[in-house]
Amino acid sequence: MVSADPEFPAEEAEPAAGAPWHVLVYRIPSEPTRLRATVWRRLKGLGAIYLQNSVAALPANANSERALRKLRHEITEMSGTAVLMLSTVLGGHATILSVYQAARTDEFEEIVDRCNDFLAGLEKEYSAEHFTYAELEENEVDLAKLQSWLAKIAARDEFGAPGRQEANDAVAACAQALEAYAGRVYAEEPEGH
């Protein structure tokens, strides 16, 4: 693209912007501070990224619209203001996508870390020769949480962030290790206990 004004050179054309984004712009009263923390936690839980203070974005889909509409309502109930927009990125799409991908990658890495903790916990049970149904049940609950968390992150990984396969593999390794532990519990614990 050639600019008619040499003082303002034309920007390089960006690749197609791709899918639209839902953008929530909000303002919350400064007191009590727990209100701000509540909104931040909700947005983080949805996987939203901040474009700047009080401006959060999610890829546009029915789930993000529903969640952000609900949050917008909650913000107004807090005596705040909020506007929810459907936006197409005209410039800077690569930046937004990069920030979104980095957030998903961080979440996938956190799952891998938690899986390593899970496996280390099972190793402690083996070392202590602690093979009980109570421990098995506790570990089953922990595995279910990991699987649920992975499913939640994978559902919002709309652009194929790095680390997804590693997280899938880590959770699968936890399931396999728990299955082996369960076999040992069944062998060690007498029936009826």
Protein backbone atom coordinates (compact mmCIF):
# COMPACT_ATOMS: atom_id res chain seq x y z
CA MET A 1 0.00 0.00 0.00
CA VAL A 2 1.41 3.39 -0.96
CA SER A 3 0.71 6.41 1.23
CA ALA A 4 0.03 9.79 -0.35
CA ASP A 5 1.57 11.52 2.68
CA PRO A 6 5.29 10.72 3.18
CA GLU A 7 5.03 11.84 6.82
CA PHE A 8 2.63 8.98 7.56
CA PRO A 9 3.81 5.87 5.75
CA ALA A 10 1.18 3.25 5.10
CA GLU A 11 1.17 0.22 7.39
CA GLU A 12 1.96 -3.13 5.91
CA ALA A 13 -1.22 -5.00 5.16
CA GLU A 14 -1.95 -7.56 7.87
CA PRO A 15 -3.21 -11.00 7.10
CA ALA A 16 -6.97 -11.44 7.27
CA ALA A 17 -8.21 -10.64 10.75
CA GLY A 18 -9.97 -13.97 11.14
CA ALA A 19 -12.72 -14.57 13.63
CA PRO A 20 -14.35 -11.66 15.46
CA TRP A 21 -13.82 -11.01 19.16
CA HIS A 22 -16.17 -10.14 21.99
CA VAL A 23 -14.76 -7.13 23.83
CA LEU A 24 -15.93 -6.13 27.31
CA VAL A 25 -15.13 -2.58 28.40
CA TYR A 26 -16.03 -1.94 32.01
CA ARG A 27 -15.61 0.36 34.99
CA ILE A 28 -16.11 -0.74 38.58
CA PRO A 29 -16.21 1.49 41.67
CA SER A 30 -12.84 1.54 43.42
CA GLU A 31 -14.37 0.43 46.72
CA PRO A 32 -14.82 -2.26 47.81
CA THR A 33 -11.79 -3.73 46.05
CA ARG A 34 -13.24 -7.23 46.18
CA LEU A 35 -15.55 -6.26 43.31
CA ARG A 36 -12.58 -5.70 40.99
CA ALA A 37 -11.04 -8.97 42.11
CA THR A 38 -14.31 -10.79 41.45
CA VAL A 39 -14.50 -9.50 37.88
CA TRP A 40 -10.81 -10.25 37.25
CA ARG A 41 -11.24 -13.84 38.51
CA ARG A 42 -14.31 -14.37 36.34
CA LEU A 43 -12.57 -13.08 33.24
CA LYS A 44 -9.50 -15.20 33.96
CA GLY A 45 -11.74 -18.23 34.49
CA LEU A 46 -13.27 -17.63 31.07
CA GLY A 47 -9.83 -17.42 29.48
CA ALA A 48 -10.23 -13.75 28.52
CA ILE A 49 -7.22 -11.62 27.74
CA TYR A 50 -6.79 -7.98 28.69
CA LEU A 51 -6.17 -5.56 25.84
CA GLN A 52 -5.63 -2.85 28.46
CA ASN A 53 -7.01 -2.01 31.91
CA SER A 54 -10.71 -2.85 32.08
CA VAL A 55 -10.83 -4.01 28.45
CA ALA A 56 -11.01 -7.77 28.03
CA ALA A 57 -11.49 -9.91 24.93
CA LEU A 58 -12.52 -13.43 24.00
CA PRO A 59 -12.94 -15.05 20.59
CA ALA A 60 -16.57 -14.55 19.59
CA ASN A 61 -18.80 -17.58 20.01
CA ALA A 62 -22.10 -18.36 21.72
CA ASN A 63 -20.43 -19.43 24.99
CA SER A 64 -18.27 -16.32 25.32
CA GLU A 65 -21.20 -14.06 24.47
CA ARG A 66 -23.41 -15.69 27.08
CA ALA A 67 -20.70 -15.56 29.76
CA LEU A 68 -19.76 -11.94 29.02
CA ARG A 69 -23.40 -10.82 28.91
CA LYS A 70 -23.88 -12.38 32.34
CA LEU A 71 -20.71 -10.72 33.64
CA ARG A 72 -21.79 -7.37 32.15
CA HIS A 73 -25.06 -7.69 34.08
CA GLU A 74 -23.18 -8.51 37.29
CA ILE A 75 -20.93 -5.46 36.82
CA THR A 76 -23.95 -3.17 36.46
CA GLU A 77 -25.41 -4.77 39.61
CA MET A 78 -22.13 -3.72 41.35
CA SER A 79 -22.92 -0.10 40.41
CA GLY A 80 -20.38 -0.31 37.61
CA THR A 81 -20.71 0.25 33.89
CA ALA A 82 -19.98 -2.20 31.12
CA VAL A 83 -20.28 -2.36 27.36
CA LEU A 84 -20.04 -5.61 25.42
CA MET A 85 -19.05 -5.32 21.79
CA LEU A 86 -18.52 -7.61 18.83
CA SER A 87 -15.30 -6.47 17.19
CA THR A 88 -13.32 -7.18 14.07
CA VAL A 89 -9.61 -6.44 14.38
CA LEU A 90 -8.43 -4.07 11.67
CA GLY A 91 -4.85 -3.83 12.87
CA GLY A 92 -2.85 -5.76 15.44
CA HIS A 93 -4.57 -9.11 15.01
CA ALA A 94 -1.26 -10.95 15.34
CA THR A 95 -0.67 -9.23 18.69
CA ILE A 96 -4.06 -10.20 20.10
CA LEU A 97 -3.69 -13.75 18.85
CA SER A 98 -0.21 -13.98 20.35
CA VAL A 99 -1.44 -12.83 23.77
CA TYR A 100 -4.37 -15.25 23.62
CA GLN A 101 -2.10 -18.14 22.60
CA ALA A 102 0.39 -17.31 25.35
CA ALA A 103 -2.41 -17.44 27.93
CA ARG A 104 -3.51 -20.89 26.73
CA THR A 105 0.09 -22.12 26.61
CA ASP A 106 0.59 -20.99 30.22
CA GLU A 107 -2.53 -22.92 31.23
CA PHE A 108 -1.35 -26.05 29.44
CA GLU A 109 2.05 -25.75 31.15
CA GLU A 110 0.33 -25.42 34.52
CA ILE A 111 -1.58 -28.64 33.85
CA VAL A 112 1.69 -30.42 33.05
CA ASP A 113 3.16 -29.12 36.33
CA ARG A 114 0.13 -30.34 38.29
CA CYS A 115 0.37 -33.71 36.55
CA ASN A 116 3.99 -33.97 37.65
CA ASP A 117 2.83 -33.25 41.22
CA PHE A 118 0.14 -35.91 40.87
CA LEU A 119 2.67 -38.50 39.70
CA ALA A 120 5.06 -37.54 42.50
CA GLY A 121 2.21 -38.04 44.99
CA LEU A 122 1.59 -41.53 43.65
CA GLU A 123 5.30 -42.29 43.96
CA LYS A 124 5.14 -41.30 47.63
CA GLU A 125 2.27 -43.74 48.12
CA TYR A 126 4.37 -46.50 46.58
CA SER A 127 7.39 -45.58 48.72
CA ALA A 128 5.29 -45.59 51.88
CA GLU A 129 3.51 -48.75 50.74
CA HIS A 130 0.24 -46.96 51.32
CA PHE A 131 -2.27 -48.89 49.21
CA THR A 132 -5.75 -48.09 50.54
CA TYR A 133 -9.13 -47.51 48.98
CA ALA A 134 -9.27 -44.11 50.70
CA GLU A 135 -6.04 -43.02 48.98
CA LEU A 136 -7.26 -44.43 45.68
CA GLU A 137 -10.50 -42.47 45.96
CA GLU A 138 -8.62 -39.27 46.81
CA ASN A 139 -6.37 -39.72 43.79
CA GLU A 140 -9.37 -40.46 41.55
CA VAL A 141 -10.88 -37.14 42.60
CA ASP A 142 -7.60 -35.37 41.82
CA LEU A 143 -7.39 -37.01 38.39
CA ALA A 144 -10.99 -36.05 37.62
CA LYS A 145 -10.12 -32.43 38.44
CA LEU A 146 -7.13 -32.53 36.09
CA GLN A 147 -9.23 -34.05 33.31
CA SER A 148 -11.99 -31.48 33.80
CA TRP A 149 -9.51 -28.60 33.84
CA LEU A 150 -7.84 -29.86 30.66
CA ALA A 151 -11.23 -30.17 28.93
CA LYS A 152 -12.13 -26.62 29.93
CA ILE A 153 -8.87 -25.19 28.57
CA ALA A 154 -9.00 -27.31 25.42
CA ALA A 155 -12.54 -26.05 24.75
CA ARG A 156 -11.34 -22.45 24.66
CA ASP A 157 -8.15 -23.26 22.73
CA GLU A 158 -9.68 -22.12 19.47
CA PHE A 159 -6.38 -21.50 17.69
CA GLY A 160 -4.30 -24.56 18.62
CA ALA A 161 -1.92 -23.16 21.24
CA PRO A 162 1.46 -24.82 21.79
CA GLY A 163 1.53 -27.21 24.72
CA ARG A 164 -1.86 -28.79 24.19
CA GLN A 165 -0.50 -32.19 23.16
CA GLU A 166 1.97 -32.21 26.05
CA ALA A 167 -0.89 -31.49 28.47
CA ASN A 168 -3.02 -34.24 26.91
CA ASP A 169 -0.11 -36.67 27.24
CA ALA A 170 0.54 -35.66 30.85
CA VAL A 171 -3.08 -36.22 31.89
CA ALA A 172 -3.10 -39.56 30.04
CA ALA A 173 0.07 -40.56 31.93
CA CYS A 174 -1.67 -39.70 35.21
CA ALA A 175 -4.65 -41.86 34.27
CA GLN A 176 -2.36 -44.75 33.37
CA ALA A 177 -0.37 -44.37 36.61
CA LEU A 178 -3.57 -44.26 38.66
CA GLU A 179 -4.79 -47.43 36.95
CA ALA A 180 -1.55 -49.18 37.97
CA TYR A 181 -1.92 -47.86 41.53
CA ALA A 182 -5.52 -49.10 41.63
CA GLY A 183 -4.32 -52.57 40.64
CA ARG A 184 -1.89 -52.53 43.53
CA VAL A 185 -4.60 -51.36 45.95
CA TYR A 186 -6.87 -54.20 44.81
CA ALA A 187 -4.05 -56.68 45.37
CA GLU A 188 -3.08 -55.32 48.80
CA GLU A 189 -6.45 -54.50 50.37
CA PRO A 190 -8.53 -57.43 51.54
CA GLU A 191 -12.07 -57.54 50.14
CA GLY A 192 -14.79 -55.96 52.26
CA HIS A 193 -12.66 -53.14 53.74
